[in-house]
Amino acid sequence: MGSAAPDSARLETGKAVVEKAEQLGEAIAKRDAMLLTGATTGLVYVAGKAAHDAGCFHIGISPGSNKDEHVELYKLPLDACDTIIYTGFGLKGRNVVLVRSCDVVLFIAGAMGSLNEFTIAHDEGKIIGCLTGTGGVAAESEYLLQKFGKRATATRVFTSSDPNELLDECLQST
């Protein structure tokens, strides 16, 4: 989960965050894990493409009803995923399907859509990993939990600026 803005790689943090996204994708592939993303653009695309190219099976969960909606209405790519599930639920509905389908929910940067995914993951009691040093929701997880995490859940949140360390901590908790 995270920044899907098509130009997010060029925004505030630039090249360093793109490199972290690539490292995160490669780290996921090394652990022989399956990756689920929103089949989207931006840093999520970078991480997903890196994981896919490193041999990870990458499932995209699309907001569209079919390939045409995915590409034409939502302007989303097809090339980083091994398969795409077309939900037809729109962006927010897709987020529920995506988060509920994950054992571990990882965040890199992220804005409002990622905040939606974060709150779903929290409410669902998921293991959450936030790649710090990338900005956005990933950088604000502690604040979000302190300020708004009033309801107790089984959620466990891990933070690290190192993709490998973050994955190790999250996976050891599953």
N, C-alpha and C. Protein backbone atom coordinates (compact mmCIF):
# COMPACT_ATOMS: atom_id res chain seq x y z
N MET A 1 0.85 -1.15 0.00
CA MET A 1 0.00 0.00 0.00
C MET A 1 0.91 1.22 0.00
N GLY A 2 0.41 2.30 -0.52
CA GLY A 2 1.21 3.52 -0.49
C GLY A 2 0.92 4.42 -1.65
N SER A 3 1.85 5.30 -1.89
CA SER A 3 1.66 6.34 -2.88
C SER A 3 1.49 5.77 -4.28
N ALA A 4 0.33 6.05 -4.88
CA ALA A 4 0.04 5.60 -6.23
C ALA A 4 0.01 6.76 -7.21
N ALA A 5 0.30 7.96 -6.72
CA ALA A 5 0.31 9.12 -7.62
C ALA A 5 1.30 8.84 -8.74
N PRO A 6 0.87 8.98 -10.00
CA PRO A 6 1.75 8.66 -11.13
C PRO A 6 3.10 9.38 -11.09
N ASP A 7 3.13 10.56 -10.50
CA ASP A 7 4.39 11.30 -10.44
C ASP A 7 5.01 11.25 -9.04
N SER A 8 4.57 10.33 -8.18
CA SER A 8 5.07 10.29 -6.81
C SER A 8 6.57 10.06 -6.74
N ALA A 9 7.12 9.42 -7.74
CA ALA A 9 8.56 9.18 -7.75
C ALA A 9 9.33 10.47 -7.96
N ARG A 10 8.66 11.51 -8.46
CA ARG A 10 9.34 12.77 -8.70
C ARG A 10 9.04 13.80 -7.62
N LEU A 11 8.15 13.47 -6.70
CA LEU A 11 7.78 14.42 -5.67
C LEU A 11 8.81 14.48 -4.56
N GLU A 12 8.47 15.10 -3.46
CA GLU A 12 9.32 15.46 -2.34
C GLU A 12 10.56 14.60 -2.08
N THR A 13 10.47 13.32 -2.16
CA THR A 13 11.59 12.48 -1.77
C THR A 13 12.34 11.87 -2.94
N GLY A 14 11.73 11.85 -4.12
CA GLY A 14 12.37 11.48 -5.35
C GLY A 14 13.07 10.14 -5.42
N LYS A 15 14.28 10.17 -5.94
CA LYS A 15 15.03 8.97 -6.29
C LYS A 15 15.25 8.03 -5.10
N ALA A 16 15.51 8.55 -3.93
CA ALA A 16 15.77 7.71 -2.76
C ALA A 16 14.56 6.85 -2.41
N VAL A 17 13.36 7.41 -2.54
CA VAL A 17 12.15 6.65 -2.23
C VAL A 17 11.87 5.62 -3.32
N VAL A 18 12.15 5.95 -4.56
CA VAL A 18 12.00 4.98 -5.65
C VAL A 18 12.92 3.79 -5.39
N GLU A 19 14.14 4.06 -4.97
CA GLU A 19 15.08 2.98 -4.64
C GLU A 19 14.57 2.13 -3.49
N LYS A 20 13.97 2.77 -2.47
CA LYS A 20 13.39 2.00 -1.36
C LYS A 20 12.24 1.13 -1.85
N ALA A 21 11.43 1.65 -2.77
CA ALA A 21 10.32 0.88 -3.32
C ALA A 21 10.85 -0.34 -4.07
N GLU A 22 11.90 -0.14 -4.86
CA GLU A 22 12.51 -1.26 -5.57
C GLU A 22 13.08 -2.28 -4.60
N GLN A 23 13.76 -1.81 -3.55
CA GLN A 23 14.33 -2.70 -2.54
C GLN A 23 13.23 -3.48 -1.82
N LEU A 24 12.12 -2.83 -1.55
CA LEU A 24 11.01 -3.50 -0.89
C LEU A 24 10.46 -4.62 -1.77
N GLY A 25 10.26 -4.33 -3.05
CA GLY A 25 9.79 -5.36 -3.98
C GLY A 25 10.75 -6.54 -4.07
N GLU A 26 12.02 -6.25 -4.17
CA GLU A 26 13.03 -7.32 -4.24
C GLU A 26 13.08 -8.12 -2.94
N ALA A 27 12.92 -7.44 -1.80
CA ALA A 27 12.93 -8.13 -0.51
C ALA A 27 11.73 -9.07 -0.38
N ILE A 28 10.59 -8.65 -0.89
CA ILE A 28 9.40 -9.51 -0.87
C ILE A 28 9.65 -10.75 -1.71
N ALA A 29 10.23 -10.56 -2.89
CA ALA A 29 10.51 -11.69 -3.78
C ALA A 29 11.49 -12.67 -3.15
N LYS A 30 12.48 -12.18 -2.42
CA LYS A 30 13.48 -13.05 -1.78
C LYS A 30 12.86 -13.97 -0.75
N ARG A 31 11.75 -13.54 -0.19
CA ARG A 31 11.12 -14.33 0.87
C ARG A 31 10.07 -15.28 0.33
N ASP A 32 10.05 -15.44 -0.96
CA ASP A 32 9.12 -16.36 -1.61
C ASP A 32 7.68 -16.11 -1.18
N ALA A 33 7.34 -14.84 -1.02
CA ALA A 33 5.98 -14.45 -0.63
C ALA A 33 5.19 -14.08 -1.88
N MET A 34 3.90 -14.06 -1.74
CA MET A 34 3.02 -13.59 -2.80
C MET A 34 2.71 -12.13 -2.49
N LEU A 35 2.68 -11.30 -3.52
CA LEU A 35 2.42 -9.87 -3.34
C LEU A 35 1.05 -9.53 -3.91
N LEU A 36 0.28 -8.80 -3.13
CA LEU A 36 -0.99 -8.24 -3.60
C LEU A 36 -0.88 -6.73 -3.53
N THR A 37 -1.26 -6.07 -4.62
CA THR A 37 -1.30 -4.61 -4.63
C THR A 37 -2.60 -4.17 -5.29
N GLY A 38 -2.81 -2.88 -5.34
CA GLY A 38 -3.97 -2.32 -6.01
C GLY A 38 -3.81 -2.24 -7.52
N ALA A 39 -2.84 -2.95 -8.07
CA ALA A 39 -2.58 -2.96 -9.52
C ALA A 39 -2.51 -1.53 -10.04
N THR A 40 -1.73 -0.73 -9.37
CA THR A 40 -1.80 0.71 -9.57
C THR A 40 -0.47 1.31 -10.03
N THR A 41 -0.36 2.60 -9.92
CA THR A 41 0.77 3.38 -10.41
C THR A 41 1.67 3.82 -9.24
N GLY A 42 2.60 4.72 -9.51
CA GLY A 42 3.42 5.34 -8.48
C GLY A 42 4.39 4.38 -7.80
N LEU A 43 4.63 4.62 -6.53
CA LEU A 43 5.58 3.81 -5.77
C LEU A 43 5.09 2.37 -5.60
N VAL A 44 3.79 2.17 -5.54
CA VAL A 44 3.23 0.82 -5.46
C VAL A 44 3.56 0.05 -6.74
N TYR A 45 3.47 0.74 -7.87
CA TYR A 45 3.85 0.12 -9.15
C TYR A 45 5.34 -0.25 -9.13
N VAL A 46 6.18 0.67 -8.68
CA VAL A 46 7.63 0.44 -8.64
C VAL A 46 7.93 -0.80 -7.80
N ALA A 47 7.36 -0.88 -6.60
CA ALA A 47 7.60 -2.04 -5.73
C ALA A 47 7.05 -3.31 -6.35
N GLY A 48 5.85 -3.23 -6.92
CA GLY A 48 5.23 -4.40 -7.53
C GLY A 48 5.99 -4.90 -8.75
N LYS A 49 6.46 -3.98 -9.56
CA LYS A 49 7.22 -4.35 -10.77
C LYS A 49 8.57 -4.96 -10.37
N ALA A 50 9.22 -4.39 -9.36
CA ALA A 50 10.50 -4.94 -8.89
C ALA A 50 10.30 -6.36 -8.35
N ALA A 51 9.23 -6.55 -7.58
CA ALA A 51 8.95 -7.89 -7.04
C ALA A 51 8.65 -8.86 -8.18
N HIS A 52 7.81 -8.45 -9.10
CA HIS A 52 7.44 -9.28 -10.26
C HIS A 52 8.69 -9.66 -11.06
N ASP A 53 9.52 -8.68 -11.36
CA ASP A 53 10.74 -8.92 -12.15
C ASP A 53 11.74 -9.81 -11.42
N ALA A 54 11.65 -9.85 -10.07
CA ALA A 54 12.55 -10.69 -9.28
C ALA A 54 11.95 -12.08 -9.03
N GLY A 55 10.80 -12.36 -9.67
CA GLY A 55 10.22 -13.70 -9.59
C GLY A 55 9.08 -13.88 -8.61
N CYS A 56 8.63 -12.81 -7.99
CA CYS A 56 7.51 -12.88 -7.06
C CYS A 56 6.19 -12.97 -7.83
N PHE A 57 5.26 -13.79 -7.35
CA PHE A 57 3.93 -13.83 -7.95
C PHE A 57 3.15 -12.63 -7.44
N HIS A 58 2.71 -11.77 -8.36
CA HIS A 58 2.10 -10.49 -8.02
C HIS A 58 0.66 -10.48 -8.51
N ILE A 59 -0.26 -10.38 -7.55
CA ILE A 59 -1.69 -10.30 -7.86
C ILE A 59 -2.13 -8.86 -7.69
N GLY A 60 -2.77 -8.32 -8.72
CA GLY A 60 -3.33 -6.98 -8.65
C GLY A 60 -4.81 -7.06 -8.35
N ILE A 61 -5.28 -6.21 -7.45
CA ILE A 61 -6.70 -6.11 -7.13
C ILE A 61 -7.17 -4.78 -7.71
N SER A 62 -7.97 -4.85 -8.76
CA SER A 62 -8.37 -3.67 -9.51
C SER A 62 -9.70 -3.10 -9.02
N PRO A 63 -9.84 -1.78 -9.09
CA PRO A 63 -11.13 -1.16 -8.79
C PRO A 63 -12.12 -1.34 -9.94
N GLY A 64 -11.62 -1.65 -11.12
CA GLY A 64 -12.46 -1.78 -12.31
C GLY A 64 -13.19 -3.10 -12.40
N SER A 65 -14.21 -3.12 -13.23
CA SER A 65 -15.00 -4.34 -13.46
C SER A 65 -14.34 -5.28 -14.46
N ASN A 66 -13.46 -4.72 -15.29
CA ASN A 66 -12.82 -5.51 -16.34
C ASN A 66 -11.56 -4.78 -16.79
N LYS A 67 -10.86 -5.39 -17.71
CA LYS A 67 -9.60 -4.83 -18.21
C LYS A 67 -9.79 -3.44 -18.80
N ASP A 68 -10.87 -3.26 -19.57
CA ASP A 68 -11.11 -1.95 -20.19
C ASP A 68 -11.30 -0.85 -19.14
N GLU A 69 -12.10 -1.10 -18.12
CA GLU A 69 -12.28 -0.10 -17.05
C GLU A 69 -10.96 0.15 -16.33
N HIS A 70 -10.23 -0.91 -16.07
CA HIS A 70 -8.95 -0.80 -15.37
C HIS A 70 -8.03 0.17 -16.10
N VAL A 71 -7.94 0.01 -17.40
CA VAL A 71 -7.02 0.82 -18.20
C VAL A 71 -7.62 2.16 -18.57
N GLU A 72 -8.83 2.17 -19.08
CA GLU A 72 -9.41 3.40 -19.63
C GLU A 72 -10.00 4.33 -18.58
N LEU A 73 -10.77 3.80 -17.64
CA LEU A 73 -11.39 4.64 -16.62
C LEU A 73 -10.42 5.01 -15.51
N TYR A 74 -9.71 4.01 -14.98
CA TYR A 74 -8.81 4.24 -13.85
C TYR A 74 -7.37 4.56 -14.26
N LYS A 75 -7.06 4.37 -15.53
CA LYS A 75 -5.71 4.68 -16.05
C LYS A 75 -4.62 3.90 -15.32
N LEU A 76 -4.87 2.60 -15.11
CA LEU A 76 -3.94 1.76 -14.38
C LEU A 76 -3.21 0.81 -15.31
N PRO A 77 -1.98 0.43 -14.95
CA PRO A 77 -1.15 -0.43 -15.80
C PRO A 77 -1.51 -1.91 -15.67
N LEU A 78 -1.02 -2.68 -16.61
CA LEU A 78 -1.25 -4.13 -16.63
C LEU A 78 0.05 -4.92 -16.48
N ASP A 79 1.19 -4.30 -16.73
CA ASP A 79 2.44 -5.03 -16.92
C ASP A 79 3.17 -5.50 -15.67
N ALA A 80 2.81 -5.06 -14.48
CA ALA A 80 3.56 -5.44 -13.28
C ALA A 80 2.96 -6.65 -12.56
N CYS A 81 1.76 -7.06 -12.96
CA CYS A 81 1.05 -8.13 -12.27
C CYS A 81 1.04 -9.41 -13.08
N ASP A 82 1.08 -10.54 -12.38
CA ASP A 82 0.92 -11.83 -13.04
C ASP A 82 -0.54 -12.09 -13.36
N THR A 83 -1.41 -11.62 -12.50
CA THR A 83 -2.86 -11.73 -12.73
C THR A 83 -3.54 -10.57 -12.02
N ILE A 84 -4.69 -10.18 -12.54
CA ILE A 84 -5.44 -9.09 -11.96
C ILE A 84 -6.86 -9.56 -11.68
N ILE A 85 -7.34 -9.27 -10.48
CA ILE A 85 -8.72 -9.56 -10.11
C ILE A 85 -9.49 -8.26 -10.27
N TYR A 86 -10.50 -8.27 -11.12
CA TYR A 86 -11.31 -7.08 -11.38
C TYR A 86 -12.52 -7.11 -10.45
N THR A 87 -12.54 -6.22 -9.46
CA THR A 87 -13.59 -6.24 -8.45
C THR A 87 -14.84 -5.48 -8.88
N GLY A 88 -14.67 -4.40 -9.63
CA GLY A 88 -15.81 -3.55 -9.96
C GLY A 88 -16.31 -2.74 -8.77
N PHE A 89 -15.53 -2.69 -7.69
CA PHE A 89 -15.96 -2.02 -6.46
C PHE A 89 -15.47 -0.58 -6.34
N GLY A 90 -14.78 -0.05 -7.34
CA GLY A 90 -14.22 1.29 -7.21
C GLY A 90 -13.01 1.27 -6.28
N LEU A 91 -12.44 2.44 -6.07
CA LEU A 91 -11.20 2.52 -5.30
C LEU A 91 -11.37 2.12 -3.83
N LYS A 92 -12.38 2.63 -3.16
CA LYS A 92 -12.55 2.33 -1.74
C LYS A 92 -12.98 0.89 -1.52
N GLY A 93 -13.85 0.38 -2.36
CA GLY A 93 -14.26 -1.02 -2.25
C GLY A 93 -13.11 -1.96 -2.54
N ARG A 94 -12.31 -1.60 -3.52
CA ARG A 94 -11.11 -2.39 -3.84
C ARG A 94 -10.18 -2.45 -2.63
N ASN A 95 -10.06 -1.34 -1.91
CA ASN A 95 -9.17 -1.30 -0.76
C ASN A 95 -9.56 -2.32 0.31
N VAL A 96 -10.86 -2.50 0.52
CA VAL A 96 -11.32 -3.47 1.52
C VAL A 96 -10.93 -4.88 1.08
N VAL A 97 -11.19 -5.21 -0.17
CA VAL A 97 -10.83 -6.54 -0.69
C VAL A 97 -9.32 -6.75 -0.58
N LEU A 98 -8.56 -5.77 -0.97
CA LEU A 98 -7.10 -5.86 -0.96
C LEU A 98 -6.57 -6.09 0.45
N VAL A 99 -6.94 -5.24 1.38
CA VAL A 99 -6.43 -5.34 2.75
C VAL A 99 -6.87 -6.64 3.40
N ARG A 100 -8.12 -7.02 3.23
CA ARG A 100 -8.61 -8.26 3.86
C ARG A 100 -7.92 -9.50 3.29
N SER A 101 -7.38 -9.39 2.10
CA SER A 101 -6.71 -10.53 1.45
C SER A 101 -5.26 -10.69 1.86
N CYS A 102 -4.73 -9.74 2.61
CA CYS A 102 -3.31 -9.74 2.99
C CYS A 102 -3.11 -10.25 4.42
N ASP A 103 -2.02 -10.98 4.63
CA ASP A 103 -1.61 -11.35 5.99
C ASP A 103 -0.83 -10.21 6.64
N VAL A 104 -0.03 -9.53 5.84
CA VAL A 104 0.78 -8.40 6.28
C VAL A 104 0.47 -7.25 5.32
N VAL A 105 0.26 -6.06 5.87
CA VAL A 105 -0.06 -4.89 5.06
C VAL A 105 1.10 -3.91 5.20
N LEU A 106 1.82 -3.70 4.09
CA LEU A 106 3.00 -2.83 4.08
C LEU A 106 2.67 -1.48 3.47
N PHE A 107 3.26 -0.43 4.03
CA PHE A 107 3.04 0.92 3.54
C PHE A 107 4.35 1.58 3.17
N ILE A 108 4.35 2.22 1.99
CA ILE A 108 5.45 3.07 1.55
C ILE A 108 4.83 4.40 1.15
N ALA A 109 5.22 5.46 1.86
CA ALA A 109 4.66 6.80 1.65
C ALA A 109 3.14 6.72 1.78
N GLY A 110 2.40 7.38 0.89
CA GLY A 110 0.95 7.27 0.86
C GLY A 110 0.22 8.52 1.32
N ALA A 111 -0.94 8.74 0.68
CA ALA A 111 -1.80 9.87 1.01
C ALA A 111 -3.18 9.36 1.44
N MET A 112 -4.24 9.99 0.99
CA MET A 112 -5.59 9.68 1.46
C MET A 112 -6.02 8.24 1.18
N GLY A 113 -5.74 7.72 0.01
CA GLY A 113 -6.10 6.34 -0.29
C GLY A 113 -5.38 5.37 0.63
N SER A 114 -4.13 5.66 0.92
CA SER A 114 -3.35 4.82 1.84
C SER A 114 -3.85 4.96 3.27
N LEU A 115 -4.31 6.15 3.62
CA LEU A 115 -4.89 6.34 4.94
C LEU A 115 -6.13 5.46 5.08
N ASN A 116 -6.93 5.38 4.02
CA ASN A 116 -8.09 4.49 4.01
C ASN A 116 -7.64 3.04 4.22
N GLU A 117 -6.62 2.62 3.52
CA GLU A 117 -6.09 1.26 3.67
C GLU A 117 -5.55 1.03 5.08
N PHE A 118 -4.89 2.02 5.63
CA PHE A 118 -4.34 1.92 6.98
C PHE A 118 -5.45 1.72 8.00
N THR A 119 -6.52 2.49 7.89
CA THR A 119 -7.61 2.35 8.86
C THR A 119 -8.32 1.00 8.70
N ILE A 120 -8.45 0.51 7.48
CA ILE A 120 -9.03 -0.81 7.27
C ILE A 120 -8.14 -1.86 7.92
N ALA A 121 -6.83 -1.78 7.66
CA ALA A 121 -5.88 -2.75 8.24
C ALA A 121 -5.94 -2.71 9.76
N HIS A 122 -6.02 -1.52 10.33
CA HIS A 122 -6.11 -1.39 11.79
C HIS A 122 -7.39 -2.04 12.29
N ASP A 123 -8.51 -1.72 11.68
CA ASP A 123 -9.80 -2.26 12.11
C ASP A 123 -9.87 -3.79 11.95
N GLU A 124 -9.14 -4.31 10.96
CA GLU A 124 -9.14 -5.75 10.70
C GLU A 124 -8.11 -6.50 11.56
N GLY A 125 -7.34 -5.77 12.36
CA GLY A 125 -6.36 -6.41 13.24
C GLY A 125 -5.16 -6.98 12.49
N LYS A 126 -4.79 -6.37 11.40
CA LYS A 126 -3.69 -6.87 10.57
C LYS A 126 -2.32 -6.50 11.15
N ILE A 127 -1.31 -7.23 10.70
CA ILE A 127 0.07 -6.85 10.94
C ILE A 127 0.38 -5.77 9.92
N ILE A 128 0.86 -4.63 10.40
CA ILE A 128 1.13 -3.47 9.54
C ILE A 128 2.62 -3.17 9.60
N GLY A 129 3.22 -2.98 8.44
CA GLY A 129 4.62 -2.56 8.34
C GLY A 129 4.71 -1.24 7.61
N CYS A 130 5.40 -0.29 8.20
CA CYS A 130 5.55 1.04 7.60
C CYS A 130 7.01 1.30 7.30
N LEU A 131 7.30 1.53 6.03
CA LEU A 131 8.66 1.82 5.60
C LEU A 131 8.94 3.30 5.84
N THR A 132 9.64 3.58 6.93
CA THR A 132 9.89 4.97 7.31
C THR A 132 10.94 5.59 6.38
N GLY A 133 10.98 6.90 6.42
CA GLY A 133 11.88 7.62 5.53
C GLY A 133 11.29 7.81 4.15
N THR A 134 10.01 7.47 3.99
CA THR A 134 9.36 7.60 2.69
C THR A 134 8.24 8.64 2.70
N GLY A 135 7.94 9.18 3.87
CA GLY A 135 6.91 10.20 3.98
C GLY A 135 5.51 9.62 4.09
N GLY A 136 4.52 10.51 4.02
CA GLY A 136 3.12 10.11 3.99
C GLY A 136 2.66 9.27 5.16
N VAL A 137 1.68 8.42 4.90
CA VAL A 137 1.08 7.57 5.93
C VAL A 137 2.14 6.71 6.61
N ALA A 138 3.09 6.19 5.85
CA ALA A 138 4.14 5.34 6.43
C ALA A 138 4.92 6.07 7.52
N ALA A 139 5.09 7.37 7.35
CA ALA A 139 5.85 8.16 8.32
C ALA A 139 5.00 8.59 9.52
N GLU A 140 3.69 8.52 9.38
CA GLU A 140 2.81 9.05 10.41
C GLU A 140 2.07 7.98 11.21
N SER A 141 2.46 6.72 11.10
CA SER A 141 1.71 5.64 11.73
C SER A 141 1.61 5.82 13.25
N GLU A 142 2.69 6.18 13.90
CA GLU A 142 2.66 6.35 15.35
C GLU A 142 1.70 7.46 15.75
N TYR A 143 1.75 8.57 15.04
CA TYR A 143 0.83 9.68 15.32
C TYR A 143 -0.61 9.24 15.11
N LEU A 144 -0.88 8.56 14.01
CA LEU A 144 -2.24 8.12 13.72
C LEU A 144 -2.78 7.21 14.81
N LEU A 145 -1.96 6.29 15.26
CA LEU A 145 -2.40 5.36 16.30
C LEU A 145 -2.60 6.06 17.65
N GLN A 146 -1.70 6.98 17.99
CA GLN A 146 -1.84 7.70 19.25
C GLN A 146 -3.04 8.61 19.24
N LYS A 147 -3.24 9.29 18.14
CA LYS A 147 -4.30 10.29 18.05
C LYS A 147 -5.68 9.66 17.83
N PHE A 148 -5.75 8.62 17.00
CA PHE A 148 -7.04 8.11 16.59
C PHE A 148 -7.28 6.64 16.91
N GLY A 149 -6.27 5.93 17.40
CA GLY A 149 -6.41 4.51 17.66
C GLY A 149 -7.06 4.22 19.00
N LYS A 150 -8.27 4.68 19.20
CA LYS A 150 -8.96 4.56 20.48
C LYS A 150 -9.47 3.15 20.74
N ARG A 151 -9.81 2.45 19.68
CA ARG A 151 -10.39 1.11 19.83
C ARG A 151 -9.28 0.08 19.77
N ALA A 152 -9.25 -0.80 20.73
CA ALA A 152 -8.23 -1.85 20.76
C ALA A 152 -8.51 -2.90 19.69
N THR A 153 -7.48 -3.26 18.96
CA THR A 153 -7.57 -4.34 17.97
C THR A 153 -6.33 -5.21 18.13
N ALA A 154 -6.29 -6.27 17.37
CA ALA A 154 -5.12 -7.17 17.40
C ALA A 154 -3.97 -6.65 16.54
N THR A 155 -4.12 -5.48 16.00
CA THR A 155 -3.12 -4.90 15.11
C THR A 155 -1.76 -4.79 15.79
N ARG A 156 -0.73 -5.14 15.02
CA ARG A 156 0.65 -4.92 15.44
C ARG A 156 1.31 -4.10 14.34
N VAL A 157 1.94 -3.01 14.72
CA VAL A 157 2.56 -2.11 13.75
C VAL A 157 4.07 -2.11 13.94
N PHE A 158 4.77 -2.31 12.84
CA PHE A 158 6.23 -2.30 12.84
C PHE A 158 6.70 -1.19 11.91
N THR A 159 7.78 -0.55 12.29
CA THR A 159 8.36 0.50 11.46
C THR A 159 9.85 0.28 11.31
N SER A 160 10.35 0.59 10.12
CA SER A 160 11.78 0.52 9.87
C SER A 160 12.07 1.27 8.57
N SER A 161 13.25 1.80 8.48
CA SER A 161 13.68 2.45 7.24
C SER A 161 14.35 1.44 6.30
N ASP A 162 14.57 0.22 6.79
CA ASP A 162 15.21 -0.82 6.00
C ASP A 162 14.16 -1.85 5.55
N PRO A 163 13.95 -2.01 4.24
CA PRO A 163 12.92 -2.94 3.76
C PRO A 163 13.10 -4.37 4.25
N ASN A 164 14.32 -4.87 4.30
CA ASN A 164 14.57 -6.24 4.76
C ASN A 164 14.24 -6.41 6.23
N GLU A 165 14.67 -5.47 7.04
CA GLU A 165 14.39 -5.51 8.47
C GLU A 165 12.88 -5.43 8.72
N LEU A 166 12.21 -4.56 8.01
CA LEU A 166 10.76 -4.40 8.15
C LEU A 166 10.04 -5.71 7.82
N LEU A 167 10.39 -6.31 6.71
CA LEU A 167 9.76 -7.57 6.32
C LEU A 167 10.03 -8.67 7.33
N ASP A 168 11.27 -8.77 7.80
CA ASP A 168 11.60 -9.80 8.78
C ASP A 168 10.74 -9.64 10.05
N GLU A 169 10.62 -8.42 10.53
CA GLU A 169 9.82 -8.19 11.74
C GLU A 169 8.36 -8.55 11.50
N CYS A 170 7.81 -8.14 10.37
CA CYS A 170 6.41 -8.42 10.08
C CYS A 170 6.15 -9.91 9.91
N LEU A 171 7.01 -10.57 9.16
CA LEU A 171 6.81 -12.00 8.88
C LEU A 171 7.01 -12.87 10.10
N GLN A 172 7.88 -12.45 11.01
CA GLN A 172 8.06 -13.22 12.24
C GLN A 172 6.82 -13.15 13.13
N SER A 173 5.96 -12.17 12.88
CA SER A 173 4.76 -12.00 13.68
C SER A 173 3.54 -12.72 13.12
N THR A 174 3.68 -13.31 11.94
CA THR A 174 2.52 -13.99 11.34
C THR A 174 2.31 -15.35 11.93
